[in-house]
């Protein structure tokens, strides 16, 4: 065992070309581009999260709605991820992931992220800090947006003169629901330099207020498996591997920006 937690570099580890994945009867799907009632991530037929409204100038948002949202990886997929994913080109892994993704085009990314656990309204909360500084408080709300769950932040990058990219990891299961013993066991593994991978389906949402030259883009990873690993990494302050499938179809950013995401993350 090492004297302390093993640290790894953060950022882009591996990438693959956009690929068609998923199944029509997947347990999750995205709605809202052409449907009334806003944009949502649906899990098992229920609205699990409200997402940024697709107007282009509306605020970034992910808000937990349904307590029935759950981790989605089957045992075989969970075991595969628990061994760590060293590279992204693994056909058997893609076949397993494809059973839970809605049919569409995805950009596969393998990332190393040092997660920071955030409480809504806290000092590191994007919605009550950077978003308020960016666009003020919505007068119809009278308060900052509320994600209604604890979540994790990754790196924040300046990607242009007026462009900032924020990275979020949003758990299906709130961190407070995690089993303490399982979190502790992953802490032990990470201290010893062990590998473990978090699985996420992600969207890239870009917003620019009408009265501002500054744009905020959010890379939002919805965690499908790895909730205990993620909290363990945050508690230790170390990086963890995240296998992300970024939905080209469900993102608000245009396809060129989504496909060009690896170049932004590699900076």
Protein backbone atom coordinates (compact mmCIF):
# COMPACT_ATOMS: atom_id res chain seq x y z
CA UNK A 1 0.00 0.00 0.00
CA UNK A 2 1.21 3.50 -0.80
CA UNK A 3 1.69 6.17 1.88
CA UNK A 4 -1.20 8.22 0.53
CA UNK A 5 -3.83 8.44 -2.20
CA UNK A 6 -2.60 7.81 -5.73
CA UNK A 7 -2.93 10.90 -7.90
CA UNK A 8 -3.34 10.88 -11.67
CA UNK A 9 -3.43 13.60 -14.24
CA UNK A 10 -6.81 15.13 -15.00
CA UNK A 11 -8.27 15.75 -18.42
CA UNK A 12 -8.74 13.71 -21.56
CA UNK A 13 -7.25 10.20 -21.45
CA UNK A 14 -8.76 8.69 -24.59
CA UNK A 15 -11.39 9.36 -27.24
CA UNK A 16 -13.18 7.64 -30.10
CA UNK A 17 -15.07 8.82 -33.15
CA UNK A 18 -18.82 9.43 -32.76
CA UNK A 19 -20.69 6.15 -32.89
CA UNK A 20 -24.31 4.98 -33.11
CA UNK A 21 -25.32 3.20 -29.91
CA UNK A 22 -28.37 2.39 -27.82
CA UNK A 23 -31.68 0.64 -28.04
CA UNK A 24 -35.27 1.89 -28.54
CA UNK A 25 -36.41 0.31 -25.25
CA UNK A 26 -33.58 1.69 -23.09
CA UNK A 27 -34.47 2.58 -19.47
CA UNK A 28 -33.47 6.21 -20.04
CA UNK A 29 -34.16 8.78 -22.74
CA UNK A 30 -34.04 12.53 -23.33
CA UNK A 31 -37.11 14.62 -24.20
CA UNK A 32 -38.00 18.24 -24.73
CA UNK A 33 -36.65 19.51 -28.03
CA UNK A 34 -40.01 19.30 -29.79
CA UNK A 35 -42.29 18.44 -26.89
CA UNK A 36 -44.16 20.79 -24.52
CA UNK A 37 -43.16 21.05 -20.88
CA UNK A 38 -39.41 21.57 -21.19
CA UNK A 39 -36.43 19.28 -21.56
CA UNK A 40 -35.93 16.25 -19.32
CA UNK A 41 -33.91 13.14 -18.65
CA UNK A 42 -36.39 10.29 -18.31
CA UNK A 43 -35.58 7.17 -16.24
CA UNK A 44 -37.97 4.20 -16.28
CA UNK A 45 -40.67 6.41 -17.79
CA UNK A 46 -40.49 9.13 -15.10
CA UNK A 47 -38.99 12.61 -15.31
CA UNK A 48 -35.77 12.22 -13.31
CA UNK A 49 -34.10 15.57 -14.10
CA UNK A 50 -35.20 18.85 -15.62
CA UNK A 51 -32.54 20.13 -18.01
CA UNK A 52 -31.62 23.49 -19.56
CA UNK A 53 -34.46 24.90 -21.63
CA UNK A 54 -33.59 24.73 -25.35
CA UNK A 55 -33.75 28.44 -26.12
CA UNK A 56 -30.03 29.16 -26.53
CA UNK A 57 -30.04 32.06 -24.09
CA UNK A 58 -31.71 30.33 -21.12
CA UNK A 59 -29.69 29.43 -18.04
CA UNK A 60 -27.81 26.15 -17.63
CA UNK A 61 -29.81 23.77 -15.49
CA UNK A 62 -30.00 20.26 -14.11
CA UNK A 63 -32.64 19.80 -11.40
CA UNK A 64 -33.46 16.49 -9.73
CA UNK A 65 -37.18 15.73 -9.89
CA UNK A 66 -37.82 12.05 -9.20
CA UNK A 67 -36.58 10.06 -6.23
CA UNK A 68 -36.98 6.89 -8.31
CA UNK A 69 -33.89 7.73 -10.40
CA UNK A 70 -31.38 4.92 -9.93
CA UNK A 71 -28.01 3.54 -10.92
CA UNK A 72 -28.55 1.79 -14.25
CA UNK A 73 -25.63 -0.56 -14.86
CA UNK A 74 -26.36 -4.29 -14.71
CA UNK A 75 -24.03 -6.55 -12.70
CA UNK A 76 -21.90 -7.54 -15.70
CA UNK A 77 -21.35 -3.92 -16.68
CA UNK A 78 -20.72 -2.84 -13.07
CA UNK A 79 -18.09 -5.56 -12.66
CA UNK A 80 -16.40 -4.52 -15.91
CA UNK A 81 -16.23 -0.89 -14.76
CA UNK A 82 -15.02 -1.92 -11.31
CA UNK A 83 -11.90 -3.39 -12.88
CA UNK A 84 -11.09 -0.05 -14.47
CA UNK A 85 -11.24 0.92 -18.15
CA UNK A 86 -7.72 1.61 -19.46
CA UNK A 87 -8.77 2.43 -23.03
CA UNK A 88 -11.97 3.34 -24.78
CA UNK A 89 -11.85 0.83 -27.66
CA UNK A 90 -13.55 -2.14 -26.01
CA UNK A 91 -16.37 -3.68 -28.12
CA UNK A 92 -17.72 -5.84 -25.29
CA UNK A 93 -17.98 -2.80 -23.01
CA UNK A 94 -19.78 -0.81 -25.68
CA UNK A 95 -22.26 -3.67 -26.18
CA UNK A 96 -23.05 -3.65 -22.44
CA UNK A 97 -23.39 0.15 -22.32
CA UNK A 98 -25.58 0.15 -25.41
CA UNK A 99 -28.33 -1.75 -23.56
CA UNK A 100 -29.03 1.22 -21.25
CA UNK A 101 -28.54 4.16 -23.64
CA UNK A 102 -31.32 5.58 -25.80
CA UNK A 103 -30.67 5.05 -29.49
CA UNK A 104 -28.59 7.83 -31.00
CA UNK A 105 -25.13 9.18 -31.80
CA UNK A 106 -22.58 9.43 -28.99
CA UNK A 107 -19.06 10.77 -28.60
CA UNK A 108 -17.16 8.31 -26.34
CA UNK A 109 -14.63 9.93 -24.01
CA UNK A 110 -12.40 8.54 -21.29
CA UNK A 111 -11.63 11.26 -18.76
CA UNK A 112 -9.69 11.69 -15.55
CA UNK A 113 -11.55 14.02 -13.21
CA UNK A 114 -10.80 15.11 -9.66
CA UNK A 115 -14.36 15.58 -8.38
CA UNK A 116 -15.36 18.19 -5.81
CA UNK A 117 -18.59 17.50 -3.90
CA UNK A 118 -20.91 20.52 -3.97
CA UNK A 119 -23.96 21.38 -1.87
CA UNK A 120 -26.71 23.51 -3.44
CA UNK A 121 -26.23 27.11 -2.31
CA UNK A 122 -22.71 26.39 -1.02
CA UNK A 123 -19.48 28.21 -1.76
CA UNK A 124 -18.70 26.02 -4.79
CA UNK A 125 -22.24 25.81 -6.17
CA UNK A 126 -22.24 26.94 -9.82
CA UNK A 127 -25.86 28.08 -9.68
CA UNK A 128 -25.51 30.44 -6.71
CA UNK A 129 -21.99 31.62 -7.64
CA UNK A 130 -20.84 31.70 -11.30
CA UNK A 131 -24.33 31.64 -12.80
CA UNK A 132 -25.49 34.57 -10.67
CA UNK A 133 -22.33 36.51 -11.58
CA UNK A 134 -22.90 35.67 -15.25
CA UNK A 135 -26.56 36.58 -15.62
CA UNK A 136 -27.94 37.68 -12.27
CA UNK A 137 -30.92 36.10 -10.53
CA UNK A 138 -33.95 35.29 -12.64
CA UNK A 139 -36.58 37.83 -11.49
CA UNK A 140 -39.35 35.26 -11.91
CA UNK A 141 -37.58 32.95 -9.45
CA UNK A 142 -36.24 35.54 -7.04
CA UNK A 143 -33.43 33.14 -6.12
CA UNK A 144 -30.63 31.20 -7.83
CA UNK A 145 -31.50 27.99 -9.67
CA UNK A 146 -31.66 24.98 -7.35
CA UNK A 147 -30.34 21.60 -8.59
CA UNK A 148 -32.19 19.90 -5.71
CA UNK A 149 -29.30 17.49 -5.17
CA UNK A 150 -25.68 17.45 -4.18
CA UNK A 151 -23.42 17.06 -7.20
CA UNK A 152 -19.76 17.13 -8.17
CA UNK A 153 -17.72 19.63 -10.11
CA UNK A 154 -14.81 18.91 -12.39
CA UNK A 155 -12.43 21.38 -14.03
CA UNK A 156 -13.50 24.80 -15.30
CA UNK A 157 -11.75 25.85 -18.51
CA UNK A 158 -11.49 29.14 -20.38
CA UNK A 159 -11.90 28.00 -24.00
CA UNK A 160 -12.06 31.38 -25.75
CA UNK A 161 -12.07 35.13 -25.16
CA UNK A 162 -15.70 34.96 -23.98
CA UNK A 163 -16.20 31.21 -23.56
CA UNK A 164 -16.05 29.19 -20.33
CA UNK A 165 -16.55 25.43 -20.12
CA UNK A 166 -17.86 24.01 -16.81
CA UNK A 167 -17.86 20.29 -16.02
CA UNK A 168 -20.39 18.65 -13.70
CA UNK A 169 -21.00 15.09 -12.50
CA UNK A 170 -24.62 14.63 -11.48
CA UNK A 171 -25.45 11.48 -9.47
CA UNK A 172 -28.66 9.59 -10.13
CA UNK A 173 -28.55 8.69 -6.44
CA UNK A 174 -27.85 11.66 -4.11
CA UNK A 175 -24.50 11.35 -2.29
CA UNK A 176 -26.26 11.29 1.06
CA UNK A 177 -27.90 7.98 0.10
CA UNK A 178 -24.58 6.22 -0.50
CA UNK A 179 -23.66 3.26 1.68
CA UNK A 180 -20.87 4.42 4.02
CA UNK A 181 -19.12 1.04 4.08
CA UNK A 182 -18.97 0.86 0.28
CA UNK A 183 -17.58 4.39 0.08
CA UNK A 184 -14.93 3.47 2.65
CA UNK A 185 -13.98 0.31 0.69
CA UNK A 186 -13.42 2.38 -2.45
CA UNK A 187 -11.37 4.86 -0.46
CA UNK A 188 -9.12 1.96 0.54
CA UNK A 189 -8.82 0.83 -3.05
CA UNK A 190 -7.97 4.31 -4.33
CA UNK A 191 -5.42 4.86 -1.57
CA UNK A 192 -3.70 1.69 -2.74
CA UNK A 193 -3.60 2.89 -6.33
CA UNK A 194 -6.46 0.66 -7.48
CA UNK A 195 -8.41 1.32 -10.67
CA UNK A 196 -12.12 2.03 -10.91
CA UNK A 197 -14.24 3.71 -13.59
CA UNK A 198 -17.42 5.78 -13.35
CA UNK A 199 -19.94 5.51 -16.22
CA UNK A 200 -21.94 8.52 -17.43
CA UNK A 201 -24.23 9.64 -20.21
CA UNK A 202 -23.57 13.29 -20.90
CA UNK A 203 -24.89 16.38 -22.64
CA UNK A 204 -23.09 19.53 -23.76
CA UNK A 205 -25.27 22.61 -23.26
CA UNK A 206 -24.23 26.12 -24.32
CA UNK A 207 -25.98 29.30 -23.20
CA UNK A 208 -25.35 32.97 -23.93
CA UNK A 209 -27.63 35.70 -22.54
CA UNK A 210 -28.94 38.22 -25.06
CA UNK A 211 -27.23 41.10 -23.22
CA UNK A 212 -23.80 39.49 -22.75
CA UNK A 213 -20.83 38.56 -24.94
CA UNK A 214 -19.88 35.83 -22.45
CA UNK A 215 -21.09 32.26 -22.98
CA UNK A 216 -21.22 29.41 -20.47
CA UNK A 217 -21.09 25.83 -21.72
CA UNK A 218 -21.87 22.96 -19.36
CA UNK A 219 -20.59 19.43 -19.88
CA UNK A 220 -23.05 17.57 -17.67
CA UNK A 221 -22.25 13.93 -16.88
CA UNK A 222 -25.22 11.99 -15.48
CA UNK A 223 -23.73 9.15 -13.44
CA UNK A 224 -25.14 5.74 -14.43
CA UNK A 225 -22.73 3.66 -12.34
CA UNK A 226 -20.01 4.49 -9.82
CA UNK A 227 -21.71 6.63 -7.16
CA UNK A 228 -19.65 5.19 -4.29
CA UNK A 229 -16.37 5.41 -6.26
CA UNK A 230 -17.10 9.02 -7.10
CA UNK A 231 -17.73 10.04 -3.50
CA UNK A 232 -14.61 8.15 -2.38
CA UNK A 233 -12.47 10.06 -4.90
CA UNK A 234 -13.99 13.36 -3.77
CA UNK A 235 -13.34 12.57 -0.11
CA UNK A 236 -9.71 11.73 -0.86
CA UNK A 237 -9.17 14.59 -3.30
CA UNK A 238 -7.92 12.32 -6.10
CA UNK A 239 -8.82 11.87 -9.74
CA UNK A 240 -11.01 9.04 -10.98
CA UNK A 241 -11.61 7.70 -14.47
CA UNK A 242 -14.94 8.62 -16.07
CA UNK A 243 -16.21 6.83 -19.19
CA UNK A 244 -18.57 9.34 -20.77
CA UNK A 245 -20.89 8.89 -23.71
CA UNK A 246 -21.80 12.42 -24.82
CA UNK A 247 -25.13 12.48 -26.64
CA UNK A 248 -24.81 14.44 -29.87
CA UNK A 249 -28.58 14.36 -30.37
CA UNK A 250 -29.59 15.48 -26.86
CA UNK A 251 -27.02 18.27 -26.43
CA UNK A 252 -27.98 21.93 -26.89
CA UNK A 253 -24.55 22.75 -28.33
CA UNK A 254 -24.36 22.23 -32.07
CA UNK A 255 -22.83 19.05 -33.47
CA UNK A 256 -19.55 20.73 -34.44
CA UNK A 257 -18.98 21.88 -30.86
CA UNK A 258 -19.78 18.43 -29.46
CA UNK A 259 -17.49 16.67 -31.92
CA UNK A 260 -14.75 19.23 -31.17
CA UNK A 261 -15.05 18.66 -27.42
CA UNK A 262 -11.91 16.48 -27.14
CA UNK A 263 -9.75 19.36 -28.32
CA UNK A 264 -11.25 21.64 -25.64
CA UNK A 265 -10.79 19.03 -22.91
CA UNK A 266 -7.20 18.36 -23.91
CA UNK A 267 -6.17 21.96 -23.20
